[in-house]
Protein backbone atom coordinates (compact mmCIF):
# COMPACT_ATOMS: atom_id res chain seq x y z
CA MET A 1 7.05 -0.82 5.75
CA SER A 2 10.67 0.24 6.05
CA ARG A 3 11.27 -0.83 2.43
CA THR A 4 8.19 1.05 1.27
CA ARG A 5 9.38 4.12 3.20
CA ALA A 6 12.82 3.85 1.60
CA LEU A 7 11.33 3.54 -1.90
CA TRP A 8 9.15 6.60 -1.42
CA GLN A 9 12.04 8.49 0.17
CA GLU A 10 14.36 7.70 -2.74
CA HIS A 11 11.88 7.77 -5.64
CA GLY A 12 8.99 9.85 -4.28
CA LEU A 13 8.83 12.29 -7.18
CA VAL A 14 8.74 9.50 -9.76
CA MET A 15 6.14 7.56 -7.78
CA GLN A 16 4.03 10.70 -7.32
CA ALA A 17 4.21 11.33 -11.06
CA ALA A 18 3.18 7.75 -11.82
CA THR A 19 0.23 8.08 -9.46
CA ASP A 20 -0.82 11.41 -10.96
CA LEU A 21 -0.27 10.47 -14.59
CA GLY A 22 -1.99 7.12 -14.20
CA ARG A 23 -5.33 8.85 -14.64
CA SER A 24 -4.46 10.61 -17.89
CA VAL A 25 -1.90 8.25 -19.47
CA PRO A 26 -3.56 4.83 -19.71
CA GLU A 27 -0.27 2.94 -20.08
CA ILE A 28 1.05 4.34 -16.81
CA GLY A 29 -2.26 3.65 -15.07
CA VAL A 30 -2.18 0.03 -16.22
CA LEU A 31 1.40 -0.46 -15.04
CA TRP A 32 0.73 1.18 -11.67
CA THR A 33 -2.39 -0.94 -11.16
CA GLN A 34 -0.57 -4.12 -12.18
CA ALA A 35 2.14 -3.37 -9.64
CA ALA A 36 -0.50 -2.78 -6.98
CA GLU A 37 -2.20 -6.08 -7.84
CA ILE A 38 1.07 -7.93 -7.15
CA PHE A 39 1.17 -6.36 -3.69
CA ILE A 40 -2.54 -7.01 -3.10
CA GLU A 41 -2.06 -10.70 -3.86
CA ALA A 42 0.92 -10.87 -1.49
CA ILE A 43 -0.94 -9.01 1.26
CA THR A 44 -3.92 -11.34 0.79
CA ARG A 45 -1.72 -14.40 1.31
CA ILE A 46 -0.09 -12.87 4.39
CA LEU A 47 -3.46 -12.01 5.91
CA GLN A 48 -4.71 -15.54 5.24
CA ARG A 49 -1.65 -17.01 6.96
CA ALA A 50 -2.41 -14.71 9.89
CA GLY A 51 -5.90 -16.20 10.14
CA VAL A 52 -8.03 -13.80 8.10
CA PRO A 53 -10.40 -16.03 6.13
CA ALA A 54 -10.24 -16.45 2.37
CA GLY A 55 -13.25 -15.66 0.22
CA ASP A 56 -15.24 -12.67 -0.91
CA GLY A 57 -16.60 -9.78 1.08
CA PRO A 58 -15.27 -7.23 3.53
CA HIS A 59 -14.32 -9.78 6.20
CA ALA A 60 -12.29 -11.99 3.84
CA ALA A 61 -8.57 -11.37 3.29
CA ALA A 62 -8.75 -9.98 -0.27
CA SER A 63 -10.92 -6.97 0.60
CA PRO A 64 -8.78 -5.59 3.43
CA ALA A 65 -5.66 -6.44 1.39
CA ARG A 66 -6.89 -4.21 -1.43
CA ALA A 67 -7.78 -1.44 1.03
CA LEU A 68 -4.41 -1.76 2.78
CA CYS A 69 -2.49 -1.54 -0.48
CA TRP A 70 -4.25 1.60 -1.69
CA MET A 71 -4.22 3.15 1.80
CA ILE A 72 -0.47 2.64 1.96
CA GLU A 73 0.00 4.10 -1.53
CA ARG A 74 -2.00 7.23 -0.70
CA THR A 75 -0.47 7.64 2.76
CA PHE A 76 3.08 7.46 1.42
CA TYR A 77 2.19 9.67 -1.53
CA ARG A 78 1.10 12.44 0.85
CA ALA A 79 3.96 11.88 3.29
CA SER A 80 6.60 11.96 0.55
CA GLN A 81 5.53 15.51 -0.23
CA ALA A 82 6.21 16.57 3.36
CA GLY A 83 9.61 14.99 4.00
CA ASP A 84 11.46 12.32 5.92
CA ASP A 85 9.73 12.85 9.28
CA GLU A 86 6.33 12.38 7.66
CA LEU A 87 7.56 9.28 5.85
CA GLU A 88 8.66 7.81 9.19
CA GLN A 89 5.24 8.61 10.67
CA ALA A 90 3.50 7.10 7.64
CA ALA A 91 5.54 3.91 7.96
CA ALA A 92 4.75 3.56 11.66
CA THR A 93 1.06 4.26 11.15
CA CYS A 94 0.68 1.91 8.19
CA LEU A 95 2.50 -0.82 10.11
CA GLU A 96 0.10 -0.41 13.02
CA VAL A 97 -2.92 -0.66 10.71
CA TRP A 98 -1.36 -3.70 9.04
CA LEU A 99 -0.78 -5.48 12.35
CA ARG A 100 -4.29 -4.75 13.57
CA THR A 101 -5.80 -5.94 10.29
CA ALA A 102 -3.78 -9.15 10.50
CA ARG A 103 -4.94 -9.46 14.11
CA LEU A 104 -1.34 -9.58 15.32
CA VAL A 105 -1.79 -6.92 18.03
C-alpha cells in the first residue's frame, strides 16, 4: 500500500487522467484495464496463499481480488485529489481491508 500511495502521490494527475480518459479513449481504457488485470492476478495468488480458496464465485480468491483492485484504484483516485493526508488515510484503510479479506487479522 505504501508503494501505491507513493505512485498516486507522485503521479496522481496522470493516473486520474488515465482513469477519466479510459472511458472515452479506448486505447487508454485497454491499457488501464490490462494493468489492473496484472494486479488482480497477483492479488488472487496472494489471497490463495493466505487460504482464500481458488475457483469461481464471491467466496473464491479471484472475486475479492477484482473488487480489492478496483476499490483501491477508486479510493486512491479520490484521495489523490484531496492531498497527502488523505492518501495516508487511503493507504491505511485499504491495507486494513486487504488484511481482513486475506483473513490475516
